[in-house]
Amino acid sequence: MGAENISLKIAFTAGILSFVSPCLLPLIPSYVTYIHIYYA
């Protein structure tokens, strides 16, 4: 049970780090702008 909890935390942290990585960070404003224009 403890090992599963630790691996879940590692996977969650890795997912957040990959989301805020410099490769993806410049795409976020254009994506948000697209969503606002699409649903406006």
PDB file of N, CA and C in Angstrom:
ATOM      1  N   MET A   1       0.838  -1.198   0.000  1.00  0.00           N
ATOM      2  CA  MET A   1       0.000   0.000   0.000  1.00  0.00           C
ATOM      3  C   MET A   1       0.872   1.247   0.000  1.00  0.00           C
ATOM      4  N   GLY A   2       1.934   1.244   0.785  1.00  0.00           N
ATOM      5  CA  GLY A   2       2.805   2.411   0.854  1.00  0.00           C
ATOM      6  C   GLY A   2       3.551   2.647  -0.451  1.00  0.00           C
ATOM      7  N   ALA A   3       3.991   1.570  -1.101  1.00  0.00           N
ATOM      8  CA  ALA A   3       4.720   1.710  -2.360  1.00  0.00           C
ATOM      9  C   ALA A   3       3.813   2.264  -3.454  1.00  0.00           C
ATOM     10  N   GLU A   4       2.558   1.852  -3.456  1.00  0.00           N
ATOM     11  CA  GLU A   4       1.620   2.375  -4.453  1.00  0.00           C
ATOM     12  C   GLU A   4       1.389   3.865  -4.242  1.00  0.00           C
ATOM     13  N   ASN A   5       1.311   4.275  -2.994  1.00  0.00           N
ATOM     14  CA  ASN A   5       1.092   5.682  -2.687  1.00  0.00           C
ATOM     15  C   ASN A   5       2.274   6.523  -3.140  1.00  0.00           C
ATOM     16  N   ILE A   6       3.490   6.018  -2.916  1.00  0.00           N
ATOM     17  CA  ILE A   6       4.688   6.747  -3.326  1.00  0.00           C
ATOM     18  C   ILE A   6       4.770   6.834  -4.847  1.00  0.00           C
ATOM     19  N   SER A   7       4.501   5.745  -5.547  1.00  0.00           N
ATOM     20  CA  SER A   7       4.580   5.774  -7.004  1.00  0.00           C
ATOM     21  C   SER A   7       3.500   6.687  -7.580  1.00  0.00           C
ATOM     22  N   LEU A   8       2.347   6.764  -6.932  1.00  0.00           N
ATOM     23  CA  LEU A   8       1.297   7.667  -7.387  1.00  0.00           C
ATOM     24  C   LEU A   8       1.744   9.117  -7.235  1.00  0.00           C
ATOM     25  N   LYS A   9       2.393   9.431  -6.112  1.00  0.00           N
ATOM     26  CA  LYS A   9       2.897  10.795  -5.912  1.00  0.00           C
ATOM     27  C   LYS A   9       3.972  11.137  -6.944  1.00  0.00           C
ATOM     28  N   ILE A  10       4.846  10.176  -7.250  1.00  0.00           N
ATOM     29  CA  ILE A  10       5.897  10.418  -8.239  1.00  0.00           C
ATOM     30  C   ILE A  10       5.282  10.640  -9.620  1.00  0.00           C
ATOM     31  N   ALA A  11       4.300   9.847  -9.974  1.00  0.00           N
ATOM     32  CA  ALA A  11       3.656   9.996 -11.277  1.00  0.00           C
ATOM     33  C   ALA A  11       2.924  11.336 -11.366  1.00  0.00           C
ATOM     34  N   PHE A  12       2.259  11.738 -10.294  1.00  0.00           N
ATOM     35  CA  PHE A  12       1.542  13.012 -10.276  1.00  0.00           C
ATOM     36  C   PHE A  12       2.513  14.178 -10.401  1.00  0.00           C
ATOM     37  N   THR A  13       3.635  14.111  -9.664  1.00  0.00           N
ATOM     38  CA  THR A  13       4.644  15.167  -9.724  1.00  0.00           C
ATOM     39  C   THR A  13       5.268  15.235 -11.118  1.00  0.00           C
ATOM     40  N   ALA A  14       5.542  14.086 -11.715  1.00  0.00           N
ATOM     41  CA  ALA A  14       6.113  14.063 -13.063  1.00  0.00           C
ATOM     42  C   ALA A  14       5.137  14.650 -14.074  1.00  0.00           C
ATOM     43  N   GLY A  15       3.868  14.394 -13.893  1.00  0.00           N
ATOM     44  CA  GLY A  15       2.862  14.964 -14.789  1.00  0.00           C
ATOM     45  C   GLY A  15       2.810  16.475 -14.685  1.00  0.00           C
ATOM     46  N   ILE A  16       2.873  16.996 -13.477  1.00  0.00           N
ATOM     47  CA  ILE A  16       2.867  18.448 -13.295  1.00  0.00           C
ATOM     48  C   ILE A  16       4.134  19.060 -13.882  1.00  0.00           C
ATOM     49  N   LEU A  17       5.271  18.433 -13.653  1.00  0.00           N
ATOM     50  CA  LEU A  17       6.528  18.958 -14.191  1.00  0.00           C
ATOM     51  C   LEU A  17       6.519  18.941 -15.720  1.00  0.00           C
ATOM     52  N   SER A  18       5.959  17.904 -16.306  1.00  0.00           N
ATOM     53  CA  SER A  18       5.909  17.868 -17.765  1.00  0.00           C
ATOM     54  C   SER A  18       4.939  18.913 -18.296  1.00  0.00           C
ATOM     55  N   PHE A  19       3.910  19.257 -17.506  1.00  0.00           N
ATOM     56  CA  PHE A  19       2.946  20.261 -17.948  1.00  0.00           C
ATOM     57  C   PHE A  19       3.553  21.650 -17.928  1.00  0.00           C
ATOM     58  N   VAL A  20       4.371  21.943 -16.923  1.00  0.00           N
ATOM     59  CA  VAL A  20       4.944  23.292 -16.801  1.00  0.00           C
ATOM     60  C   VAL A  20       6.357  23.360 -17.360  1.00  0.00           C
ATOM     61  N   SER A  21       6.753  22.367 -18.133  1.00  0.00           N
ATOM     62  CA  SER A  21       8.094  22.377 -18.716  1.00  0.00           C
ATOM     63  C   SER A  21       8.209  23.504 -19.739  1.00  0.00           C
ATOM     64  N   PRO A  22       9.405  23.998 -19.974  1.00  0.00           N
ATOM     65  CA  PRO A  22       9.591  25.109 -20.917  1.00  0.00           C
ATOM     66  C   PRO A  22       9.155  24.775 -22.337  1.00  0.00           C
ATOM     67  N   CYS A  23       9.084  23.516 -22.693  1.00  0.00           N
ATOM     68  CA  CYS A  23       8.641  23.160 -24.038  1.00  0.00           C
ATOM     69  C   CYS A  23       7.147  23.436 -24.219  1.00  0.00           C
ATOM     70  N   LEU A  24       6.370  23.259 -23.160  1.00  0.00           N
ATOM     71  CA  LEU A  24       4.919  23.419 -23.253  1.00  0.00           C
ATOM     72  C   LEU A  24       4.465  24.800 -22.799  1.00  0.00           C
ATOM     73  N   LEU A  25       5.269  25.457 -21.977  1.00  0.00           N
ATOM     74  CA  LEU A  25       4.865  26.733 -21.388  1.00  0.00           C
ATOM     75  C   LEU A  25       4.504  27.793 -22.429  1.00  0.00           C
ATOM     76  N   PRO A  26       5.228  27.966 -23.533  1.00  0.00           N
ATOM     77  CA  PRO A  26       4.825  28.983 -24.513  1.00  0.00           C
ATOM     78  C   PRO A  26       3.506  28.683 -25.212  1.00  0.00           C
ATOM     79  N   LEU A  27       3.031  27.442 -25.173  1.00  0.00           N
ATOM     80  CA  LEU A  27       1.785  27.096 -25.855  1.00  0.00           C
ATOM     81  C   LEU A  27       0.548  27.430 -25.036  1.00  0.00           C
ATOM     82  N   ILE A  28       0.699  27.627 -23.736  1.00  0.00           N
ATOM     83  CA  ILE A  28      -0.463  27.823 -22.860  1.00  0.00           C
ATOM     84  C   ILE A  28      -1.242  29.103 -23.196  1.00  0.00           C
ATOM     85  N   PRO A  29      -0.597  30.265 -23.384  1.00  0.00           N
ATOM     86  CA  PRO A  29      -1.384  31.475 -23.704  1.00  0.00           C
ATOM     87  C   PRO A  29      -2.173  31.349 -25.007  1.00  0.00           C
ATOM     88  N   SER A  30      -1.586  30.751 -26.030  1.00  0.00           N
ATOM     89  CA  SER A  30      -2.314  30.599 -27.285  1.00  0.00           C
ATOM     90  C   SER A  30      -3.481  29.631 -27.121  1.00  0.00           C
ATOM     91  N   TYR A  31      -3.309  28.605 -26.308  1.00  0.00           N
ATOM     92  CA  TYR A  31      -4.399  27.661 -26.064  1.00  0.00           C
ATOM     93  C   TYR A  31      -5.545  28.335 -25.304  1.00  0.00           C
ATOM     94  N   VAL A  32      -5.185  29.109 -24.285  1.00  0.00           N
ATOM     95  CA  VAL A  32      -6.209  29.812 -23.510  1.00  0.00           C
ATOM     96  C   VAL A  32      -6.942  30.823 -24.390  1.00  0.00           C
ATOM     97  N   THR A  33      -6.197  31.534 -25.245  1.00  0.00           N
ATOM     98  CA  THR A  33      -6.825  32.489 -26.154  1.00  0.00           C
ATOM     99  C   THR A  33      -7.770  31.781 -27.112  1.00  0.00           C
ATOM    100  N   TYR A  34      -7.354  30.629 -27.626  1.00  0.00           N
ATOM    101  CA  TYR A  34      -8.203  29.867 -28.537  1.00  0.00           C
ATOM    102  C   TYR A  34      -9.498  29.445 -27.840  1.00  0.00           C
ATOM    103  N   ILE A  35      -9.394  28.988 -26.599  1.00  0.00           N
ATOM    104  CA  ILE A  35     -10.581  28.563 -25.859  1.00  0.00           C
ATOM    105  C   ILE A  35     -11.519  29.750 -25.628  1.00  0.00           C
ATOM    106  N   HIS A  36     -10.962  30.914 -25.284  1.00  0.00           N
ATOM    107  CA  HIS A  36     -11.812  32.092 -25.045  1.00  0.00           C
ATOM    108  C   HIS A  36     -12.504  32.541 -26.326  1.00  0.00           C
ATOM    109  N   ILE A  37     -11.805  32.504 -27.451  1.00  0.00           N
ATOM    110  CA  ILE A  37     -12.413  32.908 -28.715  1.00  0.00           C
ATOM    111  C   ILE A  37     -13.478  31.889 -29.132  1.00  0.00           C
ATOM    112  N   TYR A  38     -13.188  30.612 -28.918  1.00  0.00           N
ATOM    113  CA  TYR A  38     -14.102  29.562 -29.350  1.00  0.00           C
ATOM    114  C   TYR A  38     -15.412  29.608 -28.567  1.00  0.00           C
ATOM    115  N   TYR A  39     -15.316  29.855 -27.249  1.00  0.00           N
ATOM    116  CA  TYR A  39     -16.524  29.850 -26.415  1.00  0.00           C
ATOM    117  C   TYR A  39     -17.124  31.233 -26.197  1.00  0.00           C
ATOM    118  N   ALA A  40     -16.579  32.254 -26.826  1.00  0.00           N
ATOM    119  CA  ALA A  40     -17.094  33.608 -26.635  1.00  0.00           C
ATOM    120  C   ALA A  40     -18.405  33.791 -27.376  1.00  0.00           C
TER     121      ALA A  40
END
